[in-house]
Amino acid sequence: MKTHSKEQIEATANAIKQHFIPKNAEENTFSFHFTIPPSSNYKVCYEKDAKGNWSLTSYDTDDKL
């Protein structure tokens, strides 16, 4: 399995994060899994700052997918 750069993972996650942002405004964190074809799986975590902006806080390869 190819490992992608932090920049590639973050760009991909940021491009699709709007589909995963919690509807509940009280939530301050969320995470989701995604695949960069053909078979690189990742889990990313986001956190909301004081201004309400979501920022990537961590990522990891997800070999369980």
N, C-alpha and C. Protein backbone atom coordinates (compact mmCIF):
# COMPACT_ATOMS: atom_id res chain seq x y z
N MET A 1 0.83 -1.18 0.00
CA MET A 1 0.00 0.00 0.00
C MET A 1 0.88 1.25 0.00
N LYS A 2 0.58 2.17 -0.90
CA LYS A 2 1.33 3.40 -1.00
C LYS A 2 0.93 4.34 0.14
N THR A 3 1.92 4.99 0.72
CA THR A 3 1.63 6.00 1.73
C THR A 3 1.71 7.36 1.07
N HIS A 4 0.69 8.16 1.28
CA HIS A 4 0.64 9.50 0.68
C HIS A 4 1.21 10.53 1.65
N SER A 5 1.58 11.68 1.10
CA SER A 5 2.14 12.75 1.94
C SER A 5 1.04 13.38 2.79
N LYS A 6 1.44 14.05 3.85
CA LYS A 6 0.49 14.75 4.72
C LYS A 6 -0.33 15.74 3.89
N GLU A 7 0.32 16.41 2.96
CA GLU A 7 -0.37 17.40 2.12
C GLU A 7 -1.45 16.74 1.26
N GLN A 8 -1.15 15.56 0.69
CA GLN A 8 -2.13 14.85 -0.13
C GLN A 8 -3.32 14.39 0.71
N ILE A 9 -3.04 13.86 1.88
CA ILE A 9 -4.10 13.38 2.76
C ILE A 9 -4.97 14.55 3.21
N GLU A 10 -4.34 15.64 3.63
CA GLU A 10 -5.09 16.81 4.10
C GLU A 10 -5.92 17.43 2.97
N ALA A 11 -5.36 17.54 1.78
CA ALA A 11 -6.10 18.12 0.65
C ALA A 11 -7.32 17.26 0.30
N THR A 12 -7.15 15.95 0.31
CA THR A 12 -8.27 15.06 0.01
C THR A 12 -9.34 15.16 1.09
N ALA A 13 -8.92 15.13 2.35
CA ALA A 13 -9.87 15.21 3.47
C ALA A 13 -10.61 16.54 3.45
N ASN A 14 -9.89 17.64 3.21
CA ASN A 14 -10.53 18.95 3.18
C ASN A 14 -11.53 19.07 2.03
N ALA A 15 -11.27 18.38 0.95
CA ALA A 15 -12.16 18.44 -0.22
C ALA A 15 -13.51 17.76 0.05
N ILE A 16 -13.54 16.81 0.99
CA ILE A 16 -14.79 16.08 1.24
C ILE A 16 -15.34 16.29 2.65
N LYS A 17 -14.66 17.05 3.49
CA LYS A 17 -15.07 17.18 4.89
C LYS A 17 -16.47 17.74 5.08
N GLN A 18 -16.94 18.61 4.17
CA GLN A 18 -18.26 19.22 4.34
C GLN A 18 -19.36 18.17 4.41
N HIS A 19 -19.13 16.99 3.87
CA HIS A 19 -20.12 15.91 3.92
C HIS A 19 -20.19 15.24 5.29
N PHE A 20 -19.21 15.52 6.15
CA PHE A 20 -19.11 14.83 7.43
C PHE A 20 -19.25 15.76 8.63
N ILE A 21 -19.30 17.06 8.42
CA ILE A 21 -19.42 18.01 9.52
C ILE A 21 -20.73 17.74 10.27
N PRO A 22 -20.65 17.61 11.59
CA PRO A 22 -21.85 17.30 12.37
C PRO A 22 -22.93 18.37 12.22
N LYS A 23 -24.17 17.93 12.17
CA LYS A 23 -25.30 18.87 12.09
C LYS A 23 -25.52 19.57 13.43
N ASN A 24 -25.17 18.91 14.52
CA ASN A 24 -25.31 19.47 15.86
C ASN A 24 -24.21 20.51 16.08
N ALA A 25 -24.60 21.77 16.24
CA ALA A 25 -23.63 22.86 16.40
C ALA A 25 -22.82 22.74 17.69
N GLU A 26 -23.28 21.92 18.63
CA GLU A 26 -22.57 21.73 19.90
C GLU A 26 -21.35 20.81 19.75
N GLU A 27 -21.31 20.02 18.69
CA GLU A 27 -20.18 19.10 18.47
C GLU A 27 -18.91 19.90 18.19
N ASN A 28 -17.81 19.45 18.78
CA ASN A 28 -16.53 20.13 18.58
C ASN A 28 -15.50 19.29 17.85
N THR A 29 -15.83 18.02 17.62
CA THR A 29 -14.91 17.13 16.91
C THR A 29 -15.70 16.20 16.01
N PHE A 30 -15.04 15.71 14.99
CA PHE A 30 -15.59 14.63 14.17
C PHE A 30 -14.45 13.94 13.44
N SER A 31 -14.71 12.74 12.98
CA SER A 31 -13.71 11.99 12.22
C SER A 31 -14.43 11.21 11.14
N PHE A 32 -13.67 10.81 10.12
CA PHE A 32 -14.21 9.97 9.07
C PHE A 32 -13.08 9.22 8.38
N HIS A 33 -13.48 8.19 7.66
CA HIS A 33 -12.55 7.34 6.92
C HIS A 33 -12.75 7.61 5.43
N PHE A 34 -11.67 7.50 4.67
CA PHE A 34 -11.77 7.60 3.22
C PHE A 34 -10.64 6.82 2.57
N THR A 35 -10.80 6.58 1.29
CA THR A 35 -9.80 5.83 0.51
C THR A 35 -9.26 6.69 -0.61
N ILE A 36 -7.95 6.69 -0.77
CA ILE A 36 -7.32 7.26 -1.95
C ILE A 36 -7.01 6.06 -2.84
N PRO A 37 -7.65 6.00 -4.01
CA PRO A 37 -7.49 4.82 -4.88
C PRO A 37 -6.03 4.55 -5.22
N PRO A 38 -5.67 3.28 -5.38
CA PRO A 38 -6.61 2.17 -5.41
C PRO A 38 -6.92 1.58 -4.04
N SER A 39 -6.03 1.71 -3.05
CA SER A 39 -6.32 0.99 -1.81
C SER A 39 -5.65 1.59 -0.57
N SER A 40 -5.48 2.90 -0.55
CA SER A 40 -4.89 3.54 0.63
C SER A 40 -6.00 4.12 1.48
N ASN A 41 -6.18 3.57 2.67
CA ASN A 41 -7.28 3.96 3.56
C ASN A 41 -6.76 4.83 4.70
N TYR A 42 -7.51 5.88 5.00
CA TYR A 42 -7.10 6.82 6.04
C TYR A 42 -8.28 7.17 6.94
N LYS A 43 -7.94 7.52 8.18
CA LYS A 43 -8.90 8.08 9.12
C LYS A 43 -8.37 9.46 9.51
N VAL A 44 -9.24 10.46 9.43
CA VAL A 44 -8.85 11.82 9.79
C VAL A 44 -9.75 12.33 10.91
N CYS A 45 -9.20 13.22 11.73
CA CYS A 45 -9.94 13.82 12.82
C CYS A 45 -9.87 15.34 12.70
N TYR A 46 -11.01 15.97 12.95
CA TYR A 46 -11.12 17.43 12.88
C TYR A 46 -11.60 17.96 14.22
N GLU A 47 -11.21 19.21 14.49
CA GLU A 47 -11.64 19.88 15.71
C GLU A 47 -12.06 21.30 15.36
N LYS A 48 -13.11 21.79 16.04
CA LYS A 48 -13.62 23.14 15.80
C LYS A 48 -12.91 24.12 16.73
N ASP A 49 -12.42 25.23 16.16
CA ASP A 49 -11.77 26.24 16.99
C ASP A 49 -12.80 27.23 17.55
N ALA A 50 -12.34 28.20 18.30
CA ALA A 50 -13.23 29.17 18.96
C ALA A 50 -14.05 29.99 17.96
N LYS A 51 -13.54 30.13 16.74
CA LYS A 51 -14.25 30.89 15.71
C LYS A 51 -15.22 30.03 14.90
N GLY A 52 -15.25 28.73 15.19
CA GLY A 52 -16.16 27.83 14.49
C GLY A 52 -15.58 27.21 13.23
N ASN A 53 -14.28 27.35 13.02
CA ASN A 53 -13.62 26.76 11.85
C ASN A 53 -13.12 25.36 12.20
N TRP A 54 -13.27 24.44 11.24
CA TRP A 54 -12.82 23.07 11.43
C TRP A 54 -11.40 22.90 10.90
N SER A 55 -10.53 22.31 11.72
CA SER A 55 -9.14 22.08 11.33
C SER A 55 -8.77 20.62 11.52
N LEU A 56 -7.99 20.10 10.59
CA LEU A 56 -7.49 18.73 10.70
C LEU A 56 -6.52 18.67 11.87
N THR A 57 -6.78 17.75 12.80
CA THR A 57 -5.90 17.63 13.96
C THR A 57 -5.02 16.39 13.91
N SER A 58 -5.50 15.35 13.20
CA SER A 58 -4.68 14.14 13.10
C SER A 58 -5.18 13.27 11.95
N TYR A 59 -4.31 12.39 11.53
CA TYR A 59 -4.67 11.40 10.52
C TYR A 59 -3.84 10.16 10.75
N ASP A 60 -4.35 9.05 10.24
CA ASP A 60 -3.64 7.80 10.39
C ASP A 60 -4.06 6.87 9.27
N THR A 61 -3.20 5.94 8.94
CA THR A 61 -3.60 4.93 7.96
C THR A 61 -4.60 4.02 8.62
N ASP A 62 -5.54 3.56 7.87
CA ASP A 62 -6.58 2.68 8.40
C ASP A 62 -6.52 1.36 7.63
N ASP A 63 -5.79 0.42 8.18
CA ASP A 63 -5.60 -0.87 7.52
C ASP A 63 -6.79 -1.79 7.69
N LYS A 64 -7.78 -1.39 8.49
CA LYS A 64 -8.93 -2.25 8.75
C LYS A 64 -9.98 -2.17 7.65
N LEU A 65 -9.92 -1.14 6.81
CA LEU A 65 -10.93 -0.98 5.75
C LEU A 65 -10.70 -1.96 4.63
